[in-house]
């Protein structure tokens, strides 16, 4: 199986209640696919909100046999699909942290 990350964008944003409804549809779609013999598993999601609390996007992680299975899961769940990405190699670097450096004199 391959680890896929699915970007779901929600235009002007959705409420937490609407997200909860989308999660329910997603869970049902995943279960339906598994019942049909597809190897797909939900791993987790990151949620991105604006300053007003509107949920603007999610990135959902799945293990699946193919990108087509991920697309089918989105279709069955009536979920937006902005992009599908494979997990890349982690960046091995250290970035400076704000407020850690010496003060200018």
PDB file of N, CA and C in Angstrom:
ATOM      1  N   UNK A   1       0.839  -1.176   0.000  1.00  0.00           N
ATOM      2  CA  UNK A   1       0.000   0.000   0.000  1.00  0.00           C
ATOM      3  C   UNK A   1       0.889   1.247   0.000  1.00  0.00           C
ATOM      4  N   UNK A   2       0.332   2.328  -0.481  1.00  0.00           N
ATOM      5  CA  UNK A   2       1.042   3.599  -0.595  1.00  0.00           C
ATOM      6  C   UNK A   2       0.339   4.638   0.254  1.00  0.00           C
ATOM      7  N   UNK A   3       1.126   5.537   0.849  1.00  0.00           N
ATOM      8  CA  UNK A   3       0.573   6.611   1.676  1.00  0.00           C
ATOM      9  C   UNK A   3       0.290   7.822   0.795  1.00  0.00           C
ATOM     10  N   UNK A   4      -0.990   8.191   0.701  1.00  0.00           N
ATOM     11  CA  UNK A   4      -1.427   9.338  -0.090  1.00  0.00           C
ATOM     12  C   UNK A   4      -1.930  10.445   0.827  1.00  0.00           C
ATOM     13  N   UNK A   5      -1.691  11.683   0.403  1.00  0.00           N
ATOM     14  CA  UNK A   5      -2.216  12.853   1.105  1.00  0.00           C
ATOM     15  C   UNK A   5      -3.168  13.556   0.147  1.00  0.00           C
ATOM     16  N   UNK A   6      -4.389  13.803   0.620  1.00  0.00           N
ATOM     17  CA  UNK A   6      -5.442  14.375  -0.209  1.00  0.00           C
ATOM     18  C   UNK A   6      -5.750  15.785   0.284  1.00  0.00           C
ATOM     19  N   UNK A   7      -5.568  16.750  -0.615  1.00  0.00           N
ATOM     20  CA  UNK A   7      -5.911  18.130  -0.308  1.00  0.00           C
ATOM     21  C   UNK A   7      -7.368  18.349  -0.666  1.00  0.00           C
ATOM     22  N   UNK A   8      -8.134  18.800   0.330  1.00  0.00           N
ATOM     23  CA  UNK A   8      -9.542  19.127   0.123  1.00  0.00           C
ATOM     24  C   UNK A   8      -9.727  20.599   0.483  1.00  0.00           C
ATOM     25  N   UNK A   9     -10.061  21.425  -0.510  1.00  0.00           N
ATOM     26  CA  UNK A   9     -10.262  22.853  -0.283  1.00  0.00           C
ATOM     27  C   UNK A   9     -11.758  23.154  -0.245  1.00  0.00           C
ATOM     28  N   UNK A  10     -12.144  24.071   0.648  1.00  0.00           N
ATOM     29  CA  UNK A  10     -13.553  24.371   0.877  1.00  0.00           C
ATOM     30  C   UNK A  10     -13.903  25.823   0.546  1.00  0.00           C
ATOM     31  N   UNK A  11     -13.336  26.364  -0.507  1.00  0.00           N
ATOM     32  CA  UNK A  11     -13.697  27.700  -0.983  1.00  0.00           C
ATOM     33  C   UNK A  11     -13.684  28.748   0.106  1.00  0.00           C
ATOM     34  N   UNK A  12     -14.837  29.340   0.381  1.00  0.00           N
ATOM     35  CA  UNK A  12     -14.955  30.383   1.402  1.00  0.00           C
ATOM     36  C   UNK A  12     -14.959  29.820   2.812  1.00  0.00           C
ATOM     37  N   UNK A  13     -14.915  28.516   2.935  1.00  0.00           N
ATOM     38  CA  UNK A  13     -14.847  27.886   4.247  1.00  0.00           C
ATOM     39  C   UNK A  13     -16.136  27.194   4.637  1.00  0.00           C
ATOM     40  N   UNK A  14     -15.996  26.245   5.545  1.00  0.00           N
ATOM     41  CA  UNK A  14     -17.141  25.511   6.085  1.00  0.00           C
ATOM     42  C   UNK A  14     -17.072  25.562   7.606  1.00  0.00           C
ATOM     43  N   UNK A  15     -18.181  25.245   8.233  1.00  0.00           N
ATOM     44  CA  UNK A  15     -18.254  25.233   9.695  1.00  0.00           C
ATOM     45  C   UNK A  15     -17.775  23.878  10.230  1.00  0.00           C
ATOM     46  N   UNK A  16     -17.570  23.816  11.535  1.00  0.00           N
ATOM     47  CA  UNK A  16     -17.206  22.546  12.164  1.00  0.00           C
ATOM     48  C   UNK A  16     -18.305  21.520  11.949  1.00  0.00           C
ATOM     49  N   UNK A  17     -19.552  21.948  12.027  1.00  0.00           N
ATOM     50  CA  UNK A  17     -20.675  21.033  11.801  1.00  0.00           C
ATOM     51  C   UNK A  17     -20.632  20.448  10.381  1.00  0.00           C
ATOM     52  N   UNK A  18     -20.341  21.284   9.404  1.00  0.00           N
ATOM     53  CA  UNK A  18     -20.234  20.795   8.020  1.00  0.00           C
ATOM     54  C   UNK A  18     -19.039  19.850   7.867  1.00  0.00           C
ATOM     55  N   UNK A  19     -17.949  20.144   8.563  1.00  0.00           N
ATOM     56  CA  UNK A  19     -16.798  19.239   8.525  1.00  0.00           C
ATOM     57  C   UNK A  19     -17.156  17.902   9.142  1.00  0.00           C
ATOM     58  N   UNK A  20     -17.875  17.920  10.259  1.00  0.00           N
ATOM     59  CA  UNK A  20     -18.297  16.674  10.902  1.00  0.00           C
ATOM     60  C   UNK A  20     -19.152  15.832   9.949  1.00  0.00           C
ATOM     61  N   UNK A  21     -20.019  16.485   9.184  1.00  0.00           N
ATOM     62  CA  UNK A  21     -20.840  15.775   8.202  1.00  0.00           C
ATOM     63  C   UNK A  21     -19.969  15.183   7.097  1.00  0.00           C
ATOM     64  N   UNK A  22     -18.953  15.938   6.658  1.00  0.00           N
ATOM     65  CA  UNK A  22     -18.035  15.441   5.629  1.00  0.00           C
ATOM     66  C   UNK A  22     -17.237  14.249   6.143  1.00  0.00           C
ATOM     67  N   UNK A  23     -16.826  14.304   7.403  1.00  0.00           N
ATOM     68  CA  UNK A  23     -16.091  13.184   8.008  1.00  0.00           C
ATOM     69  C   UNK A  23     -16.968  11.938   8.047  1.00  0.00           C
ATOM     70  N   UNK A  24     -18.224  12.101   8.387  1.00  0.00           N
ATOM     71  CA  UNK A  24     -19.144  10.967   8.412  1.00  0.00           C
ATOM     72  C   UNK A  24     -19.284  10.356   7.017  1.00  0.00           C
ATOM     73  N   UNK A  25     -19.452  11.198   5.998  1.00  0.00           N
ATOM     74  CA  UNK A  25     -19.545  10.695   4.617  1.00  0.00           C
ATOM     75  C   UNK A  25     -18.252   9.996   4.206  1.00  0.00           C
ATOM     76  N   UNK A  26     -17.124  10.568   4.609  1.00  0.00           N
ATOM     77  CA  UNK A  26     -15.828   9.975   4.282  1.00  0.00           C
ATOM     78  C   UNK A  26     -15.668   8.593   4.907  1.00  0.00           C
ATOM     79  N   UNK A  27     -16.046   8.484   6.180  1.00  0.00           N
ATOM     80  CA  UNK A  27     -15.951   7.195   6.869  1.00  0.00           C
ATOM     81  C   UNK A  27     -16.829   6.140   6.193  1.00  0.00           C
ATOM     82  N   UNK A  28     -18.041   6.542   5.823  1.00  0.00           N
ATOM     83  CA  UNK A  28     -18.946   5.614   5.144  1.00  0.00           C
ATOM     84  C   UNK A  28     -18.398   5.208   3.779  1.00  0.00           C
ATOM     85  N   UNK A  29     -17.796   6.153   3.058  1.00  0.00           N
ATOM     86  CA  UNK A  29     -17.220   5.849   1.752  1.00  0.00           C
ATOM     87  C   UNK A  29     -16.052   4.881   1.885  1.00  0.00           C
ATOM     88  N   UNK A  30     -15.204   5.099   2.887  1.00  0.00           N
ATOM     89  CA  UNK A  30     -14.061   4.206   3.099  1.00  0.00           C
ATOM     90  C   UNK A  30     -14.543   2.806   3.448  1.00  0.00           C
ATOM     91  N   UNK A  31     -15.522   2.717   4.334  1.00  0.00           N
ATOM     92  CA  UNK A  31     -16.059   1.407   4.720  1.00  0.00           C
ATOM     93  C   UNK A  31     -16.701   0.717   3.516  1.00  0.00           C
ATOM     94  N   UNK A  32     -17.428   1.451   2.704  1.00  0.00           N
ATOM     95  CA  UNK A  32     -18.058   0.899   1.507  1.00  0.00           C
ATOM     96  C   UNK A  32     -17.002   0.332   0.552  1.00  0.00           C
ATOM     97  N   UNK A  33     -15.915   1.052   0.389  1.00  0.00           N
ATOM     98  CA  UNK A  33     -14.851   0.568  -0.496  1.00  0.00           C
ATOM     99  C   UNK A  33     -14.212  -0.705   0.050  1.00  0.00           C
ATOM    100  N   UNK A  34     -13.995  -0.734   1.355  1.00  0.00           N
ATOM    101  CA  UNK A  34     -13.408  -1.938   1.971  1.00  0.00           C
ATOM    102  C   UNK A  34     -14.338  -3.132   1.796  1.00  0.00           C
ATOM    103  N   UNK A  35     -15.655  -2.899   1.941  1.00  0.00           N
ATOM    104  CA  UNK A  35     -16.628  -3.977   1.731  1.00  0.00           C
ATOM    105  C   UNK A  35     -16.601  -4.474   0.290  1.00  0.00           C
ATOM    106  N   UNK A  36     -16.237  -3.583  -0.641  1.00  0.00           N
ATOM    107  CA  UNK A  36     -16.140  -3.952  -2.055  1.00  0.00           C
ATOM    108  C   UNK A  36     -14.778  -4.547  -2.418  1.00  0.00           C
ATOM    109  N   UNK A  37     -13.924  -4.748  -1.412  1.00  0.00           N
ATOM    110  CA  UNK A  37     -12.643  -5.407  -1.647  1.00  0.00           C
ATOM    111  C   UNK A  37     -11.460  -4.493  -1.899  1.00  0.00           C
ATOM    112  N   UNK A  38     -11.632  -3.188  -1.739  1.00  0.00           N
ATOM    113  CA  UNK A  38     -10.519  -2.258  -1.921  1.00  0.00           C
ATOM    114  C   UNK A  38      -9.717  -2.158  -0.627  1.00  0.00           C
ATOM    115  N   UNK A  39      -8.410  -2.181  -0.753  1.00  0.00           N
ATOM    116  CA  UNK A  39      -7.535  -2.013   0.406  1.00  0.00           C
ATOM    117  C   UNK A  39      -7.283  -0.520   0.582  1.00  0.00           C
ATOM    118  N   UNK A  40      -8.019   0.096   1.485  1.00  0.00           N
ATOM    119  CA  UNK A  40      -7.865   1.527   1.764  1.00  0.00           C
ATOM    120  C   UNK A  40      -8.085   1.744   3.254  1.00  0.00           C
ATOM    121  N   UNK A  41      -7.255   2.596   3.843  1.00  0.00           N
ATOM    122  CA  UNK A  41      -7.367   2.881   5.271  1.00  0.00           C
ATOM    123  C   UNK A  41      -7.115   4.364   5.508  1.00  0.00           C
ATOM    124  N   UNK A  42      -7.964   4.960   6.322  1.00  0.00           N
ATOM    125  CA  UNK A  42      -7.802   6.356   6.726  1.00  0.00           C
ATOM    126  C   UNK A  42      -6.744   6.423   7.821  1.00  0.00           C
ATOM    127  N   UNK A  43      -5.810   7.375   7.700  1.00  0.00           N
ATOM    128  CA  UNK A  43      -4.732   7.527   8.670  1.00  0.00           C
ATOM    129  C   UNK A  43      -4.976   8.713   9.605  1.00  0.00           C
ATOM    130  N   UNK A  44      -5.385   9.846   9.054  1.00  0.00           N
ATOM    131  CA  UNK A  44      -5.606  11.040   9.865  1.00  0.00           C
ATOM    132  C   UNK A  44      -5.722  12.267   8.981  1.00  0.00           C
ATOM    133  N   UNK A  45      -6.018  13.408   9.596  1.00  0.00           N
ATOM    134  CA  UNK A  45      -6.195  14.650   8.848  1.00  0.00           C
ATOM    135  C   UNK A  45      -5.608  15.836   9.600  1.00  0.00           C
ATOM    136  N   UNK A  46      -5.195  16.837   8.834  1.00  0.00           N
ATOM    137  CA  UNK A  46      -4.858  18.152   9.360  1.00  0.00           C
ATOM    138  C   UNK A  46      -5.928  19.101   8.849  1.00  0.00           C
ATOM    139  N   UNK A  47      -6.389  19.996   9.715  1.00  0.00           N
ATOM    140  CA  UNK A  47      -7.446  20.936   9.373  1.00  0.00           C
ATOM    141  C   UNK A  47      -6.867  22.344   9.396  1.00  0.00           C
ATOM    142  N   UNK A  48      -7.213  23.146   8.379  1.00  0.00           N
ATOM    143  CA  UNK A  48      -6.695  24.500   8.252  1.00  0.00           C
ATOM    144  C   UNK A  48      -7.867  25.489   8.261  1.00  0.00           C
ATOM    145  N   UNK A  49      -7.849  26.406   9.219  1.00  0.00           N
ATOM    146  CA  UNK A  49      -8.926  27.383   9.382  1.00  0.00           C
ATOM    147  C   UNK A  49      -8.362  28.792   9.219  1.00  0.00           C
ATOM    148  N   UNK A  50      -9.242  29.718   8.856  1.00  0.00           N
ATOM    149  CA  UNK A  50      -8.837  31.120   8.756  1.00  0.00           C
ATOM    150  C   UNK A  50      -9.038  31.809  10.114  1.00  0.00           C
ATOM    151  N   UNK A  51      -8.759  33.095  10.176  1.00  0.00           N
ATOM    152  CA  UNK A  51      -8.857  33.851  11.426  1.00  0.00           C
ATOM    153  C   UNK A  51     -10.261  33.936  11.992  1.00  0.00           C
ATOM    154  N   UNK A  52     -11.271  33.709  11.156  1.00  0.00           N
ATOM    155  CA  UNK A  52     -12.660  33.741  11.609  1.00  0.00           C
ATOM    156  C   UNK A  52     -13.160  32.365  12.052  1.00  0.00           C
ATOM    157  N   UNK A  53     -12.299  31.360  11.968  1.00  0.00           N
ATOM    158  CA  UNK A  53     -12.689  30.018  12.386  1.00  0.00           C
ATOM    159  C   UNK A  53     -13.330  29.184  11.292  1.00  0.00           C
ATOM    160  N   UNK A  54     -13.415  29.725  10.075  1.00  0.00           N
ATOM    161  CA  UNK A  54     -13.945  28.946   8.953  1.00  0.00           C
ATOM    162  C   UNK A  54     -12.908  27.934   8.500  1.00  0.00           C
ATOM    163  N   UNK A  55     -13.317  26.707   8.326  1.00  0.00           N
ATOM    164  CA  UNK A  55     -12.397  25.663   7.874  1.00  0.00           C
ATOM    165  C   UNK A  55     -12.251  25.807   6.372  1.00  0.00           C
ATOM    166  N   UNK A  56     -11.020  26.079   5.934  1.00  0.00           N
ATOM    167  CA  UNK A  56     -10.766  26.366   4.526  1.00  0.00           C
ATOM    168  C   UNK A  56     -10.226  25.164   3.757  1.00  0.00           C
ATOM    169  N   UNK A  57      -9.564  24.242   4.463  1.00  0.00           N
ATOM    170  CA  UNK A  57      -8.984  23.088   3.776  1.00  0.00           C
ATOM    171  C   UNK A  57      -8.641  22.003   4.789  1.00  0.00           C
ATOM    172  N   UNK A  58      -8.504  20.797   4.283  1.00  0.00           N
ATOM    173  CA  UNK A  58      -7.964  19.686   5.063  1.00  0.00           C
ATOM    174  C   UNK A  58      -6.950  18.959   4.197  1.00  0.00           C
ATOM    175  N   UNK A  59      -6.032  18.292   4.845  1.00  0.00           N
ATOM    176  CA  UNK A  59      -5.160  17.329   4.176  1.00  0.00           C
ATOM    177  C   UNK A  59      -5.389  16.016   4.895  1.00  0.00           C
ATOM    178  N   UNK A  60      -5.957  15.063   4.166  1.00  0.00           N
ATOM    179  CA  UNK A  60      -6.316  13.764   4.725  1.00  0.00           C
ATOM    180  C   UNK A  60      -5.322  12.714   4.228  1.00  0.00           C
ATOM    181  N   UNK A  61      -4.871  11.860   5.119  1.00  0.00           N
ATOM    182  CA  UNK A  61      -3.909  10.817   4.766  1.00  0.00           C
ATOM    183  C   UNK A  61      -4.591   9.461   4.708  1.00  0.00           C
ATOM    184  N   UNK A  62      -4.258   8.719   3.663  1.00  0.00           N
ATOM    185  CA  UNK A  62      -4.799   7.383   3.451  1.00  0.00           C
ATOM    186  C   UNK A  62      -3.681   6.445   3.029  1.00  0.00           C
ATOM    187  N   UNK A  63      -3.795   5.196   3.412  1.00  0.00           N
ATOM    188  CA  UNK A  63      -3.025   4.126   2.785  1.00  0.00           C
ATOM    189  C   UNK A  63      -3.980   3.483   1.802  1.00  0.00           C
ATOM    190  N   UNK A  64      -3.530   3.335   0.557  1.00  0.00           N
ATOM    191  CA  UNK A  64      -4.384   2.759  -0.477  1.00  0.00           C
ATOM    192  C   UNK A  64      -3.525   2.070  -1.521  1.00  0.00           C
ATOM    193  N   UNK A  65      -4.168   1.202  -2.291  1.00  0.00           N
ATOM    194  CA  UNK A  65      -3.473   0.480  -3.360  1.00  0.00           C
ATOM    195  C   UNK A  65      -3.164   1.376  -4.551  1.00  0.00           C
ATOM    196  N   UNK A  66      -4.023   2.393  -4.785  1.00  0.00           N
ATOM    197  CA  UNK A  66      -3.818   3.226  -5.968  1.00  0.00           C
ATOM    198  C   UNK A  66      -4.423   4.598  -5.777  1.00  0.00           C
ATOM    199  N   UNK A  67      -3.977   5.525  -6.607  1.00  0.00           N
ATOM    200  CA  UNK A  67      -4.554   6.858  -6.626  1.00  0.00           C
ATOM    201  C   UNK A  67      -6.017   6.794  -7.060  1.00  0.00           C
ATOM    202  N   UNK A  68      -6.332   5.868  -7.950  1.00  0.00           N
ATOM    203  CA  UNK A  68      -7.728   5.699  -8.379  1.00  0.00           C
ATOM    204  C   UNK A  68      -8.634   5.350  -7.205  1.00  0.00           C
ATOM    205  N   UNK A  69      -8.147   4.538  -6.274  1.00  0.00           N
ATOM    206  CA  UNK A  69      -8.944   4.209  -5.084  1.00  0.00           C
ATOM    207  C   UNK A  69      -9.192   5.449  -4.231  1.00  0.00           C
ATOM    208  N   UNK A  70      -8.198   6.306  -4.133  1.00  0.00           N
ATOM    209  CA  UNK A  70      -8.354   7.539  -3.363  1.00  0.00           C
ATOM    210  C   UNK A  70      -9.386   8.444  -4.033  1.00  0.00           C
ATOM    211  N   UNK A  71      -9.330   8.528  -5.353  1.00  0.00           N
ATOM    212  CA  UNK A  71     -10.324   9.328  -6.089  1.00  0.00           C
ATOM    213  C   UNK A  71     -11.732   8.750  -5.901  1.00  0.00           C
ATOM    214  N   UNK A  72     -11.848   7.435  -5.974  1.00  0.00           N
ATOM    215  CA  UNK A  72     -13.142   6.780  -5.797  1.00  0.00           C
ATOM    216  C   UNK A  72     -13.704   7.047  -4.402  1.00  0.00           C
ATOM    217  N   UNK A  73     -12.852   7.025  -3.398  1.00  0.00           N
ATOM    218  CA  UNK A  73     -13.295   7.302  -2.027  1.00  0.00           C
ATOM    219  C   UNK A  73     -13.863   8.713  -1.942  1.00  0.00           C
ATOM    220  N   UNK A  74     -13.226   9.671  -2.587  1.00  0.00           N
ATOM    221  CA  UNK A  74     -13.716  11.052  -2.580  1.00  0.00           C
ATOM    222  C   UNK A  74     -15.050  11.163  -3.309  1.00  0.00           C
ATOM    223  N   UNK A  75     -15.175  10.456  -4.419  1.00  0.00           N
ATOM    224  CA  UNK A  75     -16.424  10.477  -5.183  1.00  0.00           C
ATOM    225  C   UNK A  75     -17.564   9.883  -4.373  1.00  0.00           C
ATOM    226  N   UNK A  76     -17.324   8.713  -3.779  1.00  0.00           N
ATOM    227  CA  UNK A  76     -18.373   8.069  -2.973  1.00  0.00           C
ATOM    228  C   UNK A  76     -18.785   8.924  -1.783  1.00  0.00           C
ATOM    229  N   UNK A  77     -17.846   9.637  -1.201  1.00  0.00           N
ATOM    230  CA  UNK A  77     -18.140  10.467  -0.034  1.00  0.00           C
ATOM    231  C   UNK A  77     -18.611  11.868  -0.385  1.00  0.00           C
ATOM    232  N   UNK A  78     -18.717  12.152  -1.690  1.00  0.00           N
ATOM    233  CA  UNK A  78     -19.119  13.492  -2.142  1.00  0.00           C
ATOM    234  C   UNK A  78     -18.245  14.557  -1.488  1.00  0.00           C
ATOM    235  N   UNK A  79     -16.933  14.340  -1.574  1.00  0.00           N
ATOM    236  CA  UNK A  79     -15.949  15.207  -0.941  1.00  0.00           C
ATOM    237  C   UNK A  79     -15.151  15.954  -1.999  1.00  0.00           C
ATOM    238  N   UNK A  80     -14.774  17.204  -1.730  1.00  0.00           N
ATOM    239  CA  UNK A  80     -13.930  17.918  -2.687  1.00  0.00           C
ATOM    240  C   UNK A  80     -12.557  17.265  -2.776  1.00  0.00           C
ATOM    241  N   UNK A  81     -11.955  17.367  -3.945  1.00  0.00           N
ATOM    242  CA  UNK A  81     -10.630  16.797  -4.160  1.00  0.00           C
ATOM    243  C   UNK A  81      -9.823  17.796  -4.977  1.00  0.00           C
ATOM    244  N   UNK A  82      -8.894  18.477  -4.317  1.00  0.00           N
ATOM    245  CA  UNK A  82      -8.079  19.484  -4.990  1.00  0.00           C
ATOM    246  C   UNK A  82      -6.759  18.920  -5.478  1.00  0.00           C
ATOM    247  N   UNK A  83      -6.274  17.868  -4.838  1.00  0.00           N
ATOM    248  CA  UNK A  83      -5.013  17.266  -5.252  1.00  0.00           C
ATOM    249  C   UNK A  83      -4.706  16.023  -4.448  1.00  0.00           C
ATOM    250  N   UNK A  84      -3.947  15.124  -5.070  1.00  0.00           N
ATOM    251  CA  UNK A  84      -3.481  13.903  -4.404  1.00  0.00           C
ATOM    252  C   UNK A  84      -1.962  13.899  -4.494  1.00  0.00           C
ATOM    253  N   UNK A  85      -1.316  13.671  -3.367  1.00  0.00           N
ATOM    254  CA  UNK A  85       0.134  13.732  -3.293  1.00  0.00           C
ATOM    255  C   UNK A  85       0.683  12.506  -2.573  1.00  0.00           C
ATOM    256  N   UNK A  86       1.869  12.097  -2.971  1.00  0.00           N
ATOM    257  CA  UNK A  86       2.590  11.044  -2.265  1.00  0.00           C
ATOM    258  C   UNK A  86       3.458  11.696  -1.202  1.00  0.00           C
ATOM    259  N   UNK A  87       3.632  10.990  -0.094  1.00  0.00           N
ATOM    260  CA  UNK A  87       4.518  11.523   0.948  1.00  0.00           C
ATOM    261  C   UNK A  87       5.939  11.554   0.401  1.00  0.00           C
ATOM    262  N   UNK A  88       6.570  12.718   0.510  1.00  0.00           N
ATOM    263  CA  UNK A  88       7.943  12.884   0.051  1.00  0.00           C
ATOM    264  C   UNK A  88       8.935  12.632   1.165  1.00  0.00           C
ATOM    265  N   UNK A  89      10.192  12.810   0.844  1.00  0.00           N
ATOM    266  CA  UNK A  89      11.263  12.659   1.810  1.00  0.00           C
ATOM    267  C   UNK A  89      11.275  13.859   2.749  1.00  0.00           C
ATOM    268  N   UNK A  90      11.423  13.613   4.020  1.00  0.00           N
ATOM    269  CA  UNK A  90      11.449  14.697   5.004  1.00  0.00           C
ATOM    270  C   UNK A  90      12.673  15.578   4.787  1.00  0.00           C
ATOM    271  N   UNK A  91      12.521  16.861   5.050  1.00  0.00           N
ATOM    272  CA  UNK A  91      13.615  17.814   4.944  1.00  0.00           C
ATOM    273  C   UNK A  91      14.468  17.703   6.195  1.00  0.00           C
ATOM    274  N   UNK A  92      15.776  17.557   6.000  1.00  0.00           N
ATOM    275  CA  UNK A  92      16.698  17.453   7.123  1.00  0.00           C
ATOM    276  C   UNK A  92      17.435  18.776   7.264  1.00  0.00           C
ATOM    277  N   UNK A  93      16.817  19.723   7.961  1.00  0.00           N
ATOM    278  CA  UNK A  93      17.421  21.046   8.124  1.00  0.00           C
ATOM    279  C   UNK A  93      16.906  21.665   9.416  1.00  0.00           C
ATOM    280  N   UNK A  94      17.679  22.625   9.900  1.00  0.00           N
ATOM    281  CA  UNK A  94      17.254  23.371  11.077  1.00  0.00           C
ATOM    282  C   UNK A  94      17.037  24.813  10.666  1.00  0.00           C
ATOM    283  N   UNK A  95      15.884  25.338  10.997  1.00  0.00           N
ATOM    284  CA  UNK A  95      15.572  26.735  10.697  1.00  0.00           C
ATOM    285  C   UNK A  95      15.752  27.558  11.960  1.00  0.00           C
ATOM    286  N   UNK A  96      16.170  28.811  11.815  1.00  0.00           N
ATOM    287  CA  UNK A  96      16.293  29.659  13.006  1.00  0.00           C
ATOM    288  C   UNK A  96      14.928  29.885  13.636  1.00  0.00           C
ATOM    289  N   UNK A  97      14.895  29.960  14.930  1.00  0.00           N
ATOM    290  CA  UNK A  97      13.645  30.190  15.652  1.00  0.00           C
ATOM    291  C   UNK A  97      13.547  31.674  16.011  1.00  0.00           C
ATOM    292  N   UNK A  98      12.375  32.233  15.859  1.00  0.00           N
ATOM    293  CA  UNK A  98      12.155  33.655  16.173  1.00  0.00           C
ATOM    294  C   UNK A  98      12.432  33.907  17.643  1.00  0.00           C
ATOM    295  N   UNK A  99      13.095  35.009  17.937  1.00  0.00           N
ATOM    296  CA  UNK A  99      13.335  35.413  19.316  1.00  0.00           C
ATOM    297  C   UNK A  99      14.452  34.674  20.018  1.00  0.00           C
ATOM    298  N   UNK A 100      15.214  33.846  19.299  1.00  0.00           N
ATOM    299  CA  UNK A 100      16.257  33.064  19.946  1.00  0.00           C
ATOM    300  C   UNK A 100      17.626  33.721  19.777  1.00  0.00           C
ATOM    301  N   UNK A 101      17.765  34.507  18.731  1.00  0.00           N
ATOM    302  CA  UNK A 101      19.065  35.125  18.449  1.00  0.00           C
ATOM    303  C   UNK A 101      19.408  36.232  19.440  1.00  0.00           C
ATOM    304  N   UNK A 102      20.637  36.739  19.333  1.00  0.00           N
ATOM    305  CA  UNK A 102      21.089  37.813  20.210  1.00  0.00           C
ATOM    306  C   UNK A 102      20.417  39.116  19.800  1.00  0.00           C
ATOM    307  N   UNK A 103      20.224  39.983  20.793  1.00  0.00           N
ATOM    308  CA  UNK A 103      19.657  41.300  20.526  1.00  0.00           C
ATOM    309  C   UNK A 103      20.721  42.177  19.893  1.00  0.00           C
ATOM    310  N   UNK A 104      20.272  43.019  18.984  1.00  0.00           N
ATOM    311  CA  UNK A 104      21.185  44.000  18.379  1.00  0.00           C
ATOM    312  C   UNK A 104      21.516  45.068  19.413  1.00  0.00           C
ATOM    313  N   UNK A 105      22.736  45.541  19.403  1.00  0.00           N
ATOM    314  CA  UNK A 105      23.122  46.590  20.369  1.00  0.00           C
ATOM    315  C   UNK A 105      23.274  47.924  19.714  1.00  0.00           C
TER     316      UNK A 105
END
